């Protein structure tokens, strides 16, 4: 029987914390290891993470590139990390949500693996 105390859920966004793509998995790993130290008997789930494909000027720092290539790289390395560490990861999010921002280029509207019209971004395009 699973109870609320059987696992911990955490949202981790390296990009939102101005961590470069190259350092994001180390950032995630550090956060998970902190939790493992504090709660060694608990299963840990990453219930939200992701990489946006767009940002407004001044949003995040210059190291946090926001494009489809970076999103695909993030997804690939995060999946590898998830598999090797046996930590389930849920990605934010399936589809871009235009209603979340005032412009089409805001990060908040561009986290999806698919555009709002349901066509896949690079991360989910087959053979690319």
N, C-alpha and C. Protein backbone atom coordinates (compact mmCIF):
# COMPACT_ATOMS: atom_id res chain seq x y z
N UNK A 1 0.84 -1.18 0.00
CA UNK A 1 0.00 0.00 0.00
C UNK A 1 0.88 1.25 0.00
N UNK A 2 0.59 2.18 -0.88
CA UNK A 2 1.34 3.44 -0.98
C UNK A 2 0.61 4.51 -0.17
N UNK A 3 1.38 5.21 0.64
CA UNK A 3 0.83 6.35 1.38
C UNK A 3 1.58 7.60 0.96
N UNK A 4 1.11 8.75 1.39
CA UNK A 4 1.74 10.01 1.03
C UNK A 4 3.20 10.06 1.45
N UNK A 5 3.56 9.41 2.52
CA UNK A 5 4.92 9.48 3.00
C UNK A 5 5.87 8.52 2.28
N UNK A 6 5.38 7.75 1.35
CA UNK A 6 6.22 6.76 0.67
C UNK A 6 7.12 7.36 -0.39
N UNK A 7 6.85 8.56 -0.84
CA UNK A 7 7.71 9.17 -1.86
C UNK A 7 7.71 10.68 -1.73
N UNK A 8 8.72 11.28 -2.34
CA UNK A 8 8.85 12.73 -2.38
C UNK A 8 8.74 13.18 -3.83
N UNK A 9 8.05 14.27 -4.04
CA UNK A 9 7.91 14.84 -5.38
C UNK A 9 8.57 16.21 -5.40
N UNK A 10 9.31 16.48 -6.47
CA UNK A 10 10.02 17.76 -6.58
C UNK A 10 9.92 18.28 -8.02
N UNK A 11 9.85 19.59 -8.14
CA UNK A 11 9.94 20.27 -9.44
C UNK A 11 11.34 20.86 -9.52
N UNK A 12 12.05 20.58 -10.59
CA UNK A 12 13.41 21.09 -10.78
C UNK A 12 13.54 21.66 -12.19
N UNK A 13 13.87 22.94 -12.27
CA UNK A 13 14.07 23.61 -13.55
C UNK A 13 15.42 24.31 -13.54
N UNK A 14 16.43 23.68 -14.07
CA UNK A 14 17.74 24.31 -14.15
C UNK A 14 17.71 25.59 -14.95
N UNK A 15 17.01 25.56 -16.06
CA UNK A 15 16.94 26.74 -16.93
C UNK A 15 16.34 27.93 -16.18
N UNK A 16 15.30 27.72 -15.42
CA UNK A 16 14.68 28.81 -14.66
C UNK A 16 15.59 29.33 -13.56
N UNK A 17 16.51 28.49 -13.10
CA UNK A 17 17.49 28.91 -12.10
C UNK A 17 18.78 29.40 -12.74
N UNK A 18 18.71 29.69 -14.05
CA UNK A 18 19.85 30.24 -14.81
C UNK A 18 21.06 29.31 -14.82
N UNK A 19 20.79 28.02 -14.91
CA UNK A 19 21.85 27.02 -15.03
C UNK A 19 21.99 26.68 -16.51
N UNK A 20 23.20 26.63 -17.01
CA UNK A 20 23.42 26.31 -18.43
C UNK A 20 23.00 24.87 -18.71
N UNK A 21 22.74 24.59 -19.96
CA UNK A 21 22.38 23.24 -20.38
C UNK A 21 23.46 22.24 -19.96
N UNK A 22 24.71 22.63 -20.11
CA UNK A 22 25.82 21.73 -19.79
C UNK A 22 25.88 21.40 -18.29
N UNK A 23 25.37 22.28 -17.45
CA UNK A 23 25.41 22.07 -15.99
C UNK A 23 24.08 21.61 -15.40
N UNK A 24 23.05 21.53 -16.22
CA UNK A 24 21.71 21.24 -15.68
C UNK A 24 21.61 19.86 -15.05
N UNK A 25 22.19 18.84 -15.65
CA UNK A 25 22.07 17.51 -15.05
C UNK A 25 22.82 17.45 -13.73
N UNK A 26 23.95 18.10 -13.62
CA UNK A 26 24.65 18.19 -12.33
C UNK A 26 23.79 18.92 -11.30
N UNK A 27 23.11 19.97 -11.73
CA UNK A 27 22.21 20.71 -10.86
C UNK A 27 21.08 19.81 -10.36
N UNK A 28 20.47 19.07 -11.27
CA UNK A 28 19.40 18.14 -10.89
C UNK A 28 19.94 17.07 -9.95
N UNK A 29 21.07 16.51 -10.29
CA UNK A 29 21.68 15.46 -9.47
C UNK A 29 21.96 15.97 -8.05
N UNK A 30 22.49 17.18 -7.94
CA UNK A 30 22.76 17.77 -6.62
C UNK A 30 21.49 17.91 -5.80
N UNK A 31 20.42 18.39 -6.43
CA UNK A 31 19.14 18.55 -5.72
C UNK A 31 18.60 17.21 -5.25
N UNK A 32 18.69 16.21 -6.09
CA UNK A 32 18.20 14.87 -5.72
C UNK A 32 19.05 14.29 -4.60
N UNK A 33 20.36 14.46 -4.67
CA UNK A 33 21.23 13.95 -3.61
C UNK A 33 20.99 14.64 -2.27
N UNK A 34 20.64 15.92 -2.29
CA UNK A 34 20.26 16.60 -1.05
C UNK A 34 19.05 15.92 -0.42
N UNK A 35 18.06 15.62 -1.25
CA UNK A 35 16.86 14.95 -0.74
C UNK A 35 17.17 13.54 -0.25
N UNK A 36 18.02 12.82 -0.98
CA UNK A 36 18.40 11.46 -0.55
C UNK A 36 19.09 11.48 0.81
N UNK A 37 19.89 12.51 1.05
CA UNK A 37 20.57 12.64 2.33
C UNK A 37 19.57 12.90 3.45
N UNK A 38 18.61 13.77 3.19
CA UNK A 38 17.61 14.11 4.20
C UNK A 38 16.57 13.02 4.41
N UNK A 39 16.23 12.31 3.34
CA UNK A 39 15.17 11.30 3.39
C UNK A 39 15.64 10.02 2.70
N UNK A 40 16.58 9.29 3.30
CA UNK A 40 17.20 8.15 2.63
C UNK A 40 16.27 6.98 2.31
N UNK A 41 15.16 6.89 2.99
CA UNK A 41 14.25 5.76 2.76
C UNK A 41 13.11 6.08 1.78
N UNK A 42 13.11 7.25 1.21
CA UNK A 42 12.00 7.67 0.35
C UNK A 42 12.34 7.58 -1.13
N UNK A 43 11.38 7.12 -1.89
CA UNK A 43 11.45 7.17 -3.35
C UNK A 43 11.29 8.63 -3.76
N UNK A 44 12.08 9.08 -4.71
CA UNK A 44 12.00 10.46 -5.18
C UNK A 44 11.51 10.47 -6.62
N UNK A 45 10.58 11.37 -6.91
CA UNK A 45 10.06 11.56 -8.26
C UNK A 45 10.29 13.01 -8.65
N UNK A 46 10.73 13.23 -9.87
CA UNK A 46 10.76 14.60 -10.40
C UNK A 46 9.44 14.77 -11.13
N UNK A 47 8.56 15.55 -10.53
CA UNK A 47 7.21 15.68 -11.07
C UNK A 47 7.08 16.82 -12.07
N UNK A 48 8.10 17.66 -12.17
CA UNK A 48 8.16 18.66 -13.24
C UNK A 48 9.60 19.02 -13.52
N UNK A 49 9.96 18.98 -14.78
CA UNK A 49 11.20 19.55 -15.28
C UNK A 49 11.00 19.80 -16.77
N UNK A 50 11.90 20.52 -17.36
CA UNK A 50 11.78 20.78 -18.79
C UNK A 50 12.75 21.84 -19.24
N UNK A 51 12.63 22.18 -20.52
CA UNK A 51 13.48 23.19 -21.13
C UNK A 51 12.65 23.93 -22.15
N UNK A 52 12.46 25.22 -21.95
CA UNK A 52 11.64 26.02 -22.87
C UNK A 52 12.40 26.29 -24.17
N UNK A 53 11.66 26.53 -25.22
CA UNK A 53 12.28 26.76 -26.53
C UNK A 53 12.29 28.24 -26.92
N UNK A 54 11.87 29.12 -26.01
CA UNK A 54 11.85 30.54 -26.31
C UNK A 54 11.92 31.34 -25.01
N UNK A 55 12.43 32.57 -25.11
CA UNK A 55 12.47 33.46 -23.95
C UNK A 55 12.47 34.90 -24.43
N UNK A 56 11.96 35.77 -23.60
CA UNK A 56 11.99 37.20 -23.89
C UNK A 56 13.36 37.75 -23.55
N UNK A 57 13.68 38.90 -24.09
CA UNK A 57 14.93 39.58 -23.75
C UNK A 57 14.97 39.80 -22.24
N UNK A 58 16.09 39.47 -21.63
CA UNK A 58 16.25 39.64 -20.20
C UNK A 58 15.72 38.49 -19.36
N UNK A 59 15.04 37.55 -20.00
CA UNK A 59 14.52 36.39 -19.27
C UNK A 59 15.60 35.33 -19.22
N UNK A 60 15.97 34.90 -18.06
CA UNK A 60 17.09 33.99 -17.82
C UNK A 60 18.40 34.71 -18.18
N UNK A 61 19.50 34.01 -18.07
CA UNK A 61 20.77 34.64 -18.45
C UNK A 61 21.23 34.12 -19.81
N UNK A 62 22.35 34.63 -20.28
CA UNK A 62 22.83 34.27 -21.62
C UNK A 62 23.21 32.80 -21.74
N UNK A 63 23.50 32.13 -20.63
CA UNK A 63 23.88 30.71 -20.68
C UNK A 63 22.70 29.79 -20.91
N UNK A 64 21.51 30.26 -20.65
CA UNK A 64 20.32 29.42 -20.77
C UNK A 64 19.70 29.59 -22.15
N UNK A 65 20.31 28.99 -23.12
CA UNK A 65 19.83 29.05 -24.50
C UNK A 65 18.45 28.41 -24.56
N UNK A 66 17.54 29.06 -25.24
CA UNK A 66 16.17 28.58 -25.35
C UNK A 66 15.84 28.36 -26.81
N UNK A 67 15.99 27.13 -27.27
CA UNK A 67 15.63 26.77 -28.64
C UNK A 67 15.33 25.28 -28.68
N UNK A 68 14.88 24.81 -29.83
CA UNK A 68 14.48 23.41 -29.95
C UNK A 68 15.65 22.44 -29.85
N UNK A 69 16.81 22.83 -30.33
CA UNK A 69 17.99 21.97 -30.23
C UNK A 69 18.34 21.75 -28.76
N UNK A 70 18.33 22.82 -27.98
CA UNK A 70 18.63 22.71 -26.55
C UNK A 70 17.58 21.88 -25.82
N UNK A 71 16.31 22.05 -26.18
CA UNK A 71 15.26 21.26 -25.55
C UNK A 71 15.48 19.77 -25.83
N UNK A 72 15.82 19.44 -27.06
CA UNK A 72 16.06 18.04 -27.40
C UNK A 72 17.28 17.50 -26.64
N UNK A 73 18.34 18.30 -26.55
CA UNK A 73 19.53 17.87 -25.81
C UNK A 73 19.19 17.66 -24.34
N UNK A 74 18.43 18.59 -23.76
CA UNK A 74 18.02 18.44 -22.37
C UNK A 74 17.24 17.14 -22.17
N UNK A 75 16.25 16.92 -23.00
CA UNK A 75 15.42 15.71 -22.89
C UNK A 75 16.29 14.45 -22.98
N UNK A 76 17.20 14.41 -23.93
CA UNK A 76 18.06 13.23 -24.13
C UNK A 76 18.93 12.97 -22.90
N UNK A 77 19.61 13.99 -22.40
CA UNK A 77 20.50 13.77 -21.26
C UNK A 77 19.71 13.53 -19.97
N UNK A 78 18.55 14.15 -19.85
CA UNK A 78 17.73 13.93 -18.66
C UNK A 78 17.17 12.51 -18.64
N UNK A 79 16.76 12.01 -19.80
CA UNK A 79 16.27 10.63 -19.88
C UNK A 79 17.38 9.64 -19.52
N UNK A 80 18.58 9.89 -20.02
CA UNK A 80 19.72 9.02 -19.68
C UNK A 80 19.98 9.05 -18.18
N UNK A 81 19.97 10.24 -17.59
CA UNK A 81 20.17 10.37 -16.15
C UNK A 81 19.06 9.65 -15.39
N UNK A 82 17.82 9.85 -15.80
CA UNK A 82 16.67 9.22 -15.16
C UNK A 82 16.79 7.70 -15.18
N UNK A 83 17.13 7.16 -16.32
CA UNK A 83 17.26 5.70 -16.44
C UNK A 83 18.39 5.16 -15.59
N UNK A 84 19.53 5.82 -15.58
CA UNK A 84 20.68 5.31 -14.83
C UNK A 84 20.50 5.48 -13.32
N UNK A 85 19.71 6.47 -12.89
CA UNK A 85 19.49 6.71 -11.47
C UNK A 85 18.18 6.16 -10.94
N UNK A 86 17.38 5.61 -11.86
CA UNK A 86 16.07 5.05 -11.49
C UNK A 86 15.19 6.07 -10.76
N UNK A 87 15.22 7.29 -11.28
CA UNK A 87 14.38 8.37 -10.77
C UNK A 87 13.37 8.72 -11.86
N UNK A 88 12.07 8.47 -11.62
CA UNK A 88 11.08 8.84 -12.62
C UNK A 88 11.03 10.35 -12.84
N UNK A 89 10.85 10.75 -14.09
CA UNK A 89 10.81 12.16 -14.47
C UNK A 89 9.54 12.42 -15.29
N UNK A 90 8.83 13.47 -14.91
CA UNK A 90 7.68 13.94 -15.66
C UNK A 90 8.04 15.30 -16.24
N UNK A 91 7.83 15.45 -17.54
CA UNK A 91 8.24 16.67 -18.22
C UNK A 91 7.09 17.66 -18.32
N UNK A 92 7.45 18.92 -18.19
CA UNK A 92 6.53 20.01 -18.36
C UNK A 92 6.86 20.63 -19.72
N UNK A 93 6.10 20.51 -20.65
CA UNK A 93 4.79 19.92 -20.73
C UNK A 93 4.57 19.38 -22.13
N UNK A 94 3.44 18.79 -22.40
CA UNK A 94 3.21 18.19 -23.71
C UNK A 94 3.06 19.25 -24.80
N UNK A 95 2.22 20.25 -24.57
CA UNK A 95 1.89 21.23 -25.60
C UNK A 95 2.19 22.65 -25.13
N UNK A 96 2.63 23.50 -26.05
CA UNK A 96 2.76 24.92 -25.75
C UNK A 96 1.38 25.46 -25.35
N UNK A 97 1.38 26.40 -24.43
CA UNK A 97 0.12 26.97 -23.95
C UNK A 97 0.17 28.48 -24.11
N UNK A 98 -0.37 28.97 -25.21
CA UNK A 98 -0.32 30.39 -25.54
C UNK A 98 -1.00 31.27 -24.51
N UNK A 99 -1.99 30.76 -23.81
CA UNK A 99 -2.74 31.57 -22.85
C UNK A 99 -1.91 31.98 -21.64
N UNK A 100 -0.74 31.37 -21.45
CA UNK A 100 0.07 31.66 -20.26
C UNK A 100 0.89 32.94 -20.37
N UNK A 101 0.97 33.55 -21.52
CA UNK A 101 1.80 34.74 -21.67
C UNK A 101 1.16 35.78 -22.54
N UNK A 102 1.75 36.95 -22.53
CA UNK A 102 1.21 38.04 -23.35
C UNK A 102 1.82 38.07 -24.75
N UNK A 103 2.95 37.34 -24.93
CA UNK A 103 3.56 37.26 -26.26
C UNK A 103 3.87 35.80 -26.58
N UNK A 104 4.01 35.54 -27.87
CA UNK A 104 4.29 34.17 -28.32
C UNK A 104 5.72 33.73 -28.01
N UNK A 105 6.59 34.66 -27.63
CA UNK A 105 7.99 34.29 -27.39
C UNK A 105 8.32 34.10 -25.92
N UNK A 106 7.39 34.31 -25.03
CA UNK A 106 7.67 34.13 -23.60
C UNK A 106 7.97 32.67 -23.28
N UNK A 107 8.86 32.47 -22.34
CA UNK A 107 9.20 31.11 -21.92
C UNK A 107 7.96 30.35 -21.47
N UNK A 108 7.10 30.98 -20.72
CA UNK A 108 5.93 30.29 -20.16
C UNK A 108 5.02 29.68 -21.21
N UNK A 109 5.05 30.20 -22.41
CA UNK A 109 4.17 29.68 -23.46
C UNK A 109 4.85 28.62 -24.33
N UNK A 110 6.11 28.31 -24.06
CA UNK A 110 6.89 27.47 -24.98
C UNK A 110 7.60 26.28 -24.35
N UNK A 111 7.06 25.71 -23.30
CA UNK A 111 7.68 24.55 -22.66
C UNK A 111 7.33 23.24 -23.36
N UNK A 112 6.30 23.23 -24.17
CA UNK A 112 5.79 21.99 -24.74
C UNK A 112 6.75 21.30 -25.70
N UNK A 113 6.56 19.99 -25.81
CA UNK A 113 7.26 19.18 -26.81
C UNK A 113 6.54 19.28 -28.16
N UNK A 114 5.34 19.84 -28.13
CA UNK A 114 4.54 20.07 -29.33
C UNK A 114 4.10 21.53 -29.34
N UNK A 115 3.96 22.08 -30.54
CA UNK A 115 3.39 23.41 -30.68
C UNK A 115 1.91 23.36 -30.30
N UNK A 116 1.32 24.51 -30.09
CA UNK A 116 -0.10 24.58 -29.72
C UNK A 116 -0.98 23.95 -30.79
N UNK A 117 -0.53 23.94 -32.05
CA UNK A 117 -1.32 23.32 -33.13
C UNK A 117 -1.11 21.81 -33.23
N UNK A 118 -0.41 21.24 -32.26
CA UNK A 118 -0.19 19.79 -32.10
C UNK A 118 0.86 19.21 -33.03
N UNK A 119 1.64 20.02 -33.71
CA UNK A 119 2.76 19.49 -34.49
C UNK A 119 3.98 19.39 -33.58
N UNK A 120 4.79 18.34 -33.76
CA UNK A 120 5.91 18.11 -32.85
C UNK A 120 7.06 19.08 -33.07
N UNK A 121 7.68 19.45 -31.97
CA UNK A 121 8.94 20.18 -32.04
C UNK A 121 10.04 19.17 -32.32
N UNK A 122 11.25 19.65 -32.50
CA UNK A 122 12.41 18.81 -32.84
C UNK A 122 12.54 17.61 -31.90
N UNK A 123 12.32 17.81 -30.61
CA UNK A 123 12.51 16.74 -29.62
C UNK A 123 11.68 15.49 -29.94
N UNK A 124 10.54 15.65 -30.56
CA UNK A 124 9.68 14.50 -30.86
C UNK A 124 9.50 14.26 -32.37
N UNK A 125 10.33 14.87 -33.18
CA UNK A 125 10.27 14.60 -34.61
C UNK A 125 11.09 13.34 -34.90
N UNK A 126 10.50 12.40 -35.56
CA UNK A 126 11.16 11.15 -35.85
C UNK A 126 12.30 11.33 -36.86
N UNK A 127 13.40 10.68 -36.61
CA UNK A 127 14.52 10.67 -37.54
C UNK A 127 15.35 11.94 -37.56
N UNK A 128 15.15 12.83 -36.60
CA UNK A 128 15.94 14.08 -36.59
C UNK A 128 16.72 14.21 -35.32
